[in-house]
Amino acid sequence: MSTCGACKAQKEILGEYLELFNITDCTENPEMCADISAVPTWFINGEKVVGVRTVGQLKEISGC
């Protein structure tokens, strides 16, 4: 699987937390990505959030 620069950066930021997220590869699952126009895209609590985020930002958005 090839990874875009933003997705690679996001995976590096998440590090050990990466396993906590349900990550979809749109090249393998295009039907799951119809609502995605940029990556990475997060769907958190019904909200669509686009862009590389820190763990702290994801915690704040998700309420964790």
PDB file of N, CA and C in Angstrom:
ATOM      1  N   MET A   1       0.844  -1.175   0.000  1.00  0.00           N
ATOM      2  CA  MET A   1       0.000   0.000   0.000  1.00  0.00           C
ATOM      3  C   MET A   1       0.886   1.234   0.000  1.00  0.00           C
ATOM      4  N   SER A   2       0.623   2.147  -0.900  1.00  0.00           N
ATOM      5  CA  SER A   2       1.350   3.411  -0.911  1.00  0.00           C
ATOM      6  C   SER A   2       0.623   4.370   0.025  1.00  0.00           C
ATOM      7  N   THR A   3       1.380   5.255   0.615  1.00  0.00           N
ATOM      8  CA  THR A   3       0.804   6.186   1.576  1.00  0.00           C
ATOM      9  C   THR A   3       1.177   7.609   1.191  1.00  0.00           C
ATOM     10  N   CYS A   4       0.189   8.507   1.216  1.00  0.00           N
ATOM     11  CA  CYS A   4       0.471   9.906   0.911  1.00  0.00           C
ATOM     12  C   CYS A   4       1.273  10.524   2.053  1.00  0.00           C
ATOM     13  N   GLY A   5       1.892  11.647   1.782  1.00  0.00           N
ATOM     14  CA  GLY A   5       2.708  12.320   2.789  1.00  0.00           C
ATOM     15  C   GLY A   5       1.945  12.683   4.046  1.00  0.00           C
ATOM     16  N   ALA A   6       0.722  13.194   3.881  1.00  0.00           N
ATOM     17  CA  ALA A   6      -0.083  13.580   5.047  1.00  0.00           C
ATOM     18  C   ALA A   6      -0.457  12.362   5.878  1.00  0.00           C
ATOM     19  N   CYS A   7      -0.808  11.276   5.206  1.00  0.00           N
ATOM     20  CA  CYS A   7      -1.175  10.056   5.939  1.00  0.00           C
ATOM     21  C   CYS A   7       0.039   9.471   6.661  1.00  0.00           C
ATOM     22  N   LYS A   8       1.186   9.520   6.021  1.00  0.00           N
ATOM     23  CA  LYS A   8       2.412   9.038   6.655  1.00  0.00           C
ATOM     24  C   LYS A   8       2.721   9.867   7.894  1.00  0.00           C
ATOM     25  N   ALA A   9       2.593  11.193   7.770  1.00  0.00           N
ATOM     26  CA  ALA A   9       2.829  12.079   8.910  1.00  0.00           C
ATOM     27  C   ALA A   9       1.856  11.780  10.038  1.00  0.00           C
ATOM     28  N   GLN A  10       0.580  11.541   9.688  1.00  0.00           N
ATOM     29  CA  GLN A  10      -0.425  11.246  10.711  1.00  0.00           C
ATOM     30  C   GLN A  10      -0.101   9.946  11.431  1.00  0.00           C
ATOM     31  N   LYS A  11       0.312   8.939  10.691  1.00  0.00           N
ATOM     32  CA  LYS A  11       0.672   7.655  11.300  1.00  0.00           C
ATOM     33  C   LYS A  11       1.864   7.810  12.226  1.00  0.00           C
ATOM     34  N   GLU A  12       2.828   8.643  11.857  1.00  0.00           N
ATOM     35  CA  GLU A  12       3.990   8.895  12.720  1.00  0.00           C
ATOM     36  C   GLU A  12       3.575   9.612  13.994  1.00  0.00           C
ATOM     37  N   ILE A  13       2.650  10.564  13.894  1.00  0.00           N
ATOM     38  CA  ILE A  13       2.163  11.296  15.073  1.00  0.00           C
ATOM     39  C   ILE A  13       1.438  10.348  16.020  1.00  0.00           C
ATOM     40  N   LEU A  14       0.607   9.476  15.468  1.00  0.00           N
ATOM     41  CA  LEU A  14      -0.183   8.570  16.308  1.00  0.00           C
ATOM     42  C   LEU A  14       0.674   7.496  16.953  1.00  0.00           C
ATOM     43  N   GLY A  15       1.712   7.066  16.264  1.00  0.00           N
ATOM     44  CA  GLY A  15       2.633   6.079  16.825  1.00  0.00           C
ATOM     45  C   GLY A  15       1.921   4.911  17.475  1.00  0.00           C
ATOM     46  N   GLU A  16       2.127   4.747  18.776  1.00  0.00           N
ATOM     47  CA  GLU A  16       1.568   3.618  19.514  1.00  0.00           C
ATOM     48  C   GLU A  16       0.036   3.655  19.594  1.00  0.00           C
ATOM     49  N   TYR A  17      -0.562   4.814  19.354  1.00  0.00           N
ATOM     50  CA  TYR A  17      -2.022   4.935  19.408  1.00  0.00           C
ATOM     51  C   TYR A  17      -2.691   4.499  18.106  1.00  0.00           C
ATOM     52  N   LEU A  18      -1.913   4.262  17.060  1.00  0.00           N
ATOM     53  CA  LEU A  18      -2.436   3.929  15.742  1.00  0.00           C
ATOM     54  C   LEU A  18      -3.409   2.753  15.790  1.00  0.00           C
ATOM     55  N   GLU A  19      -3.128   1.779  16.610  1.00  0.00           N
ATOM     56  CA  GLU A  19      -3.978   0.587  16.690  1.00  0.00           C
ATOM     57  C   GLU A  19      -5.369   0.879  17.261  1.00  0.00           C
ATOM     58  N   LEU A  20      -5.569   2.031  17.867  1.00  0.00           N
ATOM     59  CA  LEU A  20      -6.863   2.375  18.451  1.00  0.00           C
ATOM     60  C   LEU A  20      -7.863   2.890  17.420  1.00  0.00           C
ATOM     61  N   PHE A  21      -7.392   3.166  16.200  1.00  0.00           N
ATOM     62  CA  PHE A  21      -8.237   3.768  15.186  1.00  0.00           C
ATOM     63  C   PHE A  21      -8.603   2.774  14.098  1.00  0.00           C
ATOM     64  N   ASN A  22      -9.800   2.915  13.573  1.00  0.00           N
ATOM     65  CA  ASN A  22     -10.256   2.119  12.445  1.00  0.00           C
ATOM     66  C   ASN A  22      -9.828   2.847  11.176  1.00  0.00           C
ATOM     67  N   ILE A  23      -8.758   2.375  10.558  1.00  0.00           N
ATOM     68  CA  ILE A  23      -8.189   3.047   9.400  1.00  0.00           C
ATOM     69  C   ILE A  23      -8.577   2.302   8.132  1.00  0.00           C
ATOM     70  N   THR A  24      -9.099   3.042   7.171  1.00  0.00           N
ATOM     71  CA  THR A  24      -9.523   2.464   5.900  1.00  0.00           C
ATOM     72  C   THR A  24      -8.605   2.943   4.792  1.00  0.00           C
ATOM     73  N   ASP A  25      -8.134   2.013   3.988  1.00  0.00           N
ATOM     74  CA  ASP A  25      -7.341   2.350   2.806  1.00  0.00           C
ATOM     75  C   ASP A  25      -8.316   2.520   1.648  1.00  0.00           C
ATOM     76  N   CYS A  26      -8.472   3.746   1.183  1.00  0.00           N
ATOM     77  CA  CYS A  26      -9.465   4.039   0.142  1.00  0.00           C
ATOM     78  C   CYS A  26      -9.150   3.377  -1.191  1.00  0.00           C
ATOM     79  N   THR A  27      -7.891   3.030  -1.424  1.00  0.00           N
ATOM     80  CA  THR A  27      -7.570   2.330  -2.670  1.00  0.00           C
ATOM     81  C   THR A  27      -8.087   0.898  -2.623  1.00  0.00           C
ATOM     82  N   GLU A  28      -8.203   0.353  -1.427  1.00  0.00           N
ATOM     83  CA  GLU A  28      -8.711  -1.006  -1.260  1.00  0.00           C
ATOM     84  C   GLU A  28     -10.211  -1.039  -0.977  1.00  0.00           C
ATOM     85  N   ASN A  29     -10.759   0.024  -0.428  1.00  0.00           N
ATOM     86  CA  ASN A  29     -12.167   0.106  -0.038  1.00  0.00           C
ATOM     87  C   ASN A  29     -12.799   1.409  -0.530  1.00  0.00           C
ATOM     88  N   PRO A  30     -12.856   1.624  -1.842  1.00  0.00           N
ATOM     89  CA  PRO A  30     -13.357   2.913  -2.341  1.00  0.00           C
ATOM     90  C   PRO A  30     -14.794   3.221  -1.945  1.00  0.00           C
ATOM     91  N   GLU A  31     -15.617   2.210  -1.735  1.00  0.00           N
ATOM     92  CA  GLU A  31     -17.008   2.445  -1.346  1.00  0.00           C
ATOM     93  C   GLU A  31     -17.115   3.100   0.023  1.00  0.00           C
ATOM     94  N   MET A  32     -16.128   2.909   0.870  1.00  0.00           N
ATOM     95  CA  MET A  32     -16.139   3.505   2.206  1.00  0.00           C
ATOM     96  C   MET A  32     -15.639   4.953   2.191  1.00  0.00           C
ATOM     97  N   CYS A  33     -15.172   5.401   1.038  1.00  0.00           N
ATOM     98  CA  CYS A  33     -14.519   6.699   0.970  1.00  0.00           C
ATOM     99  C   CYS A  33     -15.261   7.715   0.117  1.00  0.00           C
ATOM    100  N   ALA A  34     -16.513   7.465  -0.157  1.00  0.00           N
ATOM    101  CA  ALA A  34     -17.293   8.361  -1.020  1.00  0.00           C
ATOM    102  C   ALA A  34     -17.374   9.776  -0.461  1.00  0.00           C
ATOM    103  N   ASP A  35     -17.353   9.929   0.848  1.00  0.00           N
ATOM    104  CA  ASP A  35     -17.485  11.230   1.511  1.00  0.00           C
ATOM    105  C   ASP A  35     -16.143  11.921   1.745  1.00  0.00           C
ATOM    106  N   ILE A  36     -15.067  11.342   1.241  1.00  0.00           N
ATOM    107  CA  ILE A  36     -13.734  11.852   1.534  1.00  0.00           C
ATOM    108  C   ILE A  36     -13.150  12.554   0.318  1.00  0.00           C
ATOM    109  N   SER A  37     -12.777  13.823   0.495  1.00  0.00           N
ATOM    110  CA  SER A  37     -12.177  14.584  -0.598  1.00  0.00           C
ATOM    111  C   SER A  37     -10.717  14.928  -0.315  1.00  0.00           C
ATOM    112  N   ALA A  38     -10.271  14.718   0.932  1.00  0.00           N
ATOM    113  CA  ALA A  38      -8.890  14.982   1.323  1.00  0.00           C
ATOM    114  C   ALA A  38      -8.516  14.006   2.432  1.00  0.00           C
ATOM    115  N   VAL A  39      -7.235  13.752   2.572  1.00  0.00           N
ATOM    116  CA  VAL A  39      -6.772  12.832   3.600  1.00  0.00           C
ATOM    117  C   VAL A  39      -5.691  13.482   4.444  1.00  0.00           C
ATOM    118  N   PRO A  40      -5.581  13.056   5.694  1.00  0.00           N
ATOM    119  CA  PRO A  40      -6.499  12.148   6.368  1.00  0.00           C
ATOM    120  C   PRO A  40      -7.817  12.842   6.707  1.00  0.00           C
ATOM    121  N   THR A  41      -8.870  12.059   6.727  1.00  0.00           N
ATOM    122  CA  THR A  41     -10.203  12.517   7.126  1.00  0.00           C
ATOM    123  C   THR A  41     -10.644  11.688   8.313  1.00  0.00           C
ATOM    124  N   TRP A  42     -11.139  12.364   9.315  1.00  0.00           N
ATOM    125  CA  TRP A  42     -11.612  11.713  10.535  1.00  0.00           C
ATOM    126  C   TRP A  42     -13.119  11.881  10.621  1.00  0.00           C
ATOM    127  N   PHE A  43     -13.815  10.843  11.052  1.00  0.00           N
ATOM    128  CA  PHE A  43     -15.241  10.927  11.368  1.00  0.00           C
ATOM    129  C   PHE A  43     -15.345  10.647  12.857  1.00  0.00           C
ATOM    130  N   ILE A  44     -15.568  11.707  13.628  1.00  0.00           N
ATOM    131  CA  ILE A  44     -15.574  11.604  15.085  1.00  0.00           C
ATOM    132  C   ILE A  44     -16.875  12.180  15.610  1.00  0.00           C
ATOM    133  N   ASN A  45     -17.636  11.349  16.314  1.00  0.00           N
ATOM    134  CA  ASN A  45     -18.905  11.783  16.901  1.00  0.00           C
ATOM    135  C   ASN A  45     -19.797  12.474  15.879  1.00  0.00           C
ATOM    136  N   GLY A  46     -19.849  11.938  14.677  1.00  0.00           N
ATOM    137  CA  GLY A  46     -20.697  12.485  13.634  1.00  0.00           C
ATOM    138  C   GLY A  46     -20.134  13.702  12.922  1.00  0.00           C
ATOM    139  N   GLU A  47     -18.949  14.132  13.312  1.00  0.00           N
ATOM    140  CA  GLU A  47     -18.313  15.302  12.709  1.00  0.00           C
ATOM    141  C   GLU A  47     -17.202  14.854  11.757  1.00  0.00           C
ATOM    142  N   LYS A  48     -17.106  15.505  10.619  1.00  0.00           N
ATOM    143  CA  LYS A  48     -16.050  15.227   9.649  1.00  0.00           C
ATOM    144  C   LYS A  48     -14.924  16.221   9.883  1.00  0.00           C
ATOM    145  N   VAL A  49     -13.733  15.713  10.172  1.00  0.00           N
ATOM    146  CA  VAL A  49     -12.566  16.530  10.463  1.00  0.00           C
ATOM    147  C   VAL A  49     -11.474  16.162   9.458  1.00  0.00           C
ATOM    148  N   VAL A  50     -10.953  17.143   8.749  1.00  0.00           N
ATOM    149  CA  VAL A  50      -9.965  16.886   7.707  1.00  0.00           C
ATOM    150  C   VAL A  50      -8.603  17.429   8.119  1.00  0.00           C
ATOM    151  N   GLY A  51      -7.575  16.656   7.859  1.00  0.00           N
ATOM    152  CA  GLY A  51      -6.210  17.118   8.063  1.00  0.00           C
ATOM    153  C   GLY A  51      -5.460  16.362   9.134  1.00  0.00           C
ATOM    154  N   VAL A  52      -4.157  16.529   9.113  1.00  0.00           N
ATOM    155  CA  VAL A  52      -3.281  15.904  10.102  1.00  0.00           C
ATOM    156  C   VAL A  52      -3.571  16.535  11.453  1.00  0.00           C
ATOM    157  N   ARG A  53      -3.746  15.707  12.458  1.00  0.00           N
ATOM    158  CA  ARG A  53      -4.070  16.175  13.815  1.00  0.00           C
ATOM    159  C   ARG A  53      -3.129  15.559  14.832  1.00  0.00           C
ATOM    160  N   THR A  54      -2.877  16.272  15.901  1.00  0.00           N
ATOM    161  CA  THR A  54      -2.084  15.721  16.999  1.00  0.00           C
ATOM    162  C   THR A  54      -2.986  14.826  17.846  1.00  0.00           C
ATOM    163  N   VAL A  55      -2.365  14.023  18.690  1.00  0.00           N
ATOM    164  CA  VAL A  55      -3.140  13.186  19.600  1.00  0.00           C
ATOM    165  C   VAL A  55      -3.995  14.077  20.499  1.00  0.00           C
ATOM    166  N   GLY A  56      -3.440  15.179  20.955  1.00  0.00           N
ATOM    167  CA  GLY A  56      -4.178  16.112  21.801  1.00  0.00           C
ATOM    168  C   GLY A  56      -5.411  16.687  21.097  1.00  0.00           C
ATOM    169  N   GLN A  57      -5.254  17.041  19.831  1.00  0.00           N
ATOM    170  CA  GLN A  57      -6.395  17.568  19.076  1.00  0.00           C
ATOM    171  C   GLN A  57      -7.467  16.501  18.908  1.00  0.00           C
ATOM    172  N   LEU A  58      -7.071  15.280  18.621  1.00  0.00           N
ATOM    173  CA  LEU A  58      -8.044  14.195  18.464  1.00  0.00           C
ATOM    174  C   LEU A  58      -8.758  13.912  19.780  1.00  0.00           C
ATOM    175  N   LYS A  59      -8.031  13.982  20.875  1.00  0.00           N
ATOM    176  CA  LYS A  59      -8.654  13.787  22.192  1.00  0.00           C
ATOM    177  C   LYS A  59      -9.683  14.873  22.473  1.00  0.00           C
ATOM    178  N   GLU A  60      -9.338  16.112  22.136  1.00  0.00           N
ATOM    179  CA  GLU A  60     -10.253  17.226  22.363  1.00  0.00           C
ATOM    180  C   GLU A  60     -11.502  17.090  21.496  1.00  0.00           C
ATOM    181  N   ILE A  61     -11.327  16.782  20.219  1.00  0.00           N
ATOM    182  CA  ILE A  61     -12.465  16.649  19.293  1.00  0.00           C
ATOM    183  C   ILE A  61     -13.375  15.504  19.728  1.00  0.00           C
ATOM    184  N   SER A  62     -12.774  14.407  20.171  1.00  0.00           N
ATOM    185  CA  SER A  62     -13.557  13.216  20.532  1.00  0.00           C
ATOM    186  C   SER A  62     -14.124  13.264  21.945  1.00  0.00           C
ATOM    187  N   GLY A  63     -13.595  14.164  22.760  1.00  0.00           N
ATOM    188  CA  GLY A  63     -14.055  14.247  24.142  1.00  0.00           C
ATOM    189  C   GLY A  63     -13.417  13.213  25.044  1.00  0.00           C
ATOM    190  N   CYS A  64     -12.346  12.607  24.613  1.00  0.00           N
ATOM    191  CA  CYS A  64     -11.638  11.601  25.439  1.00  0.00           C
ATOM    192  C   CYS A  64     -10.666  12.261  26.377  1.00  0.00           C
TER     193      CYS A  64
END
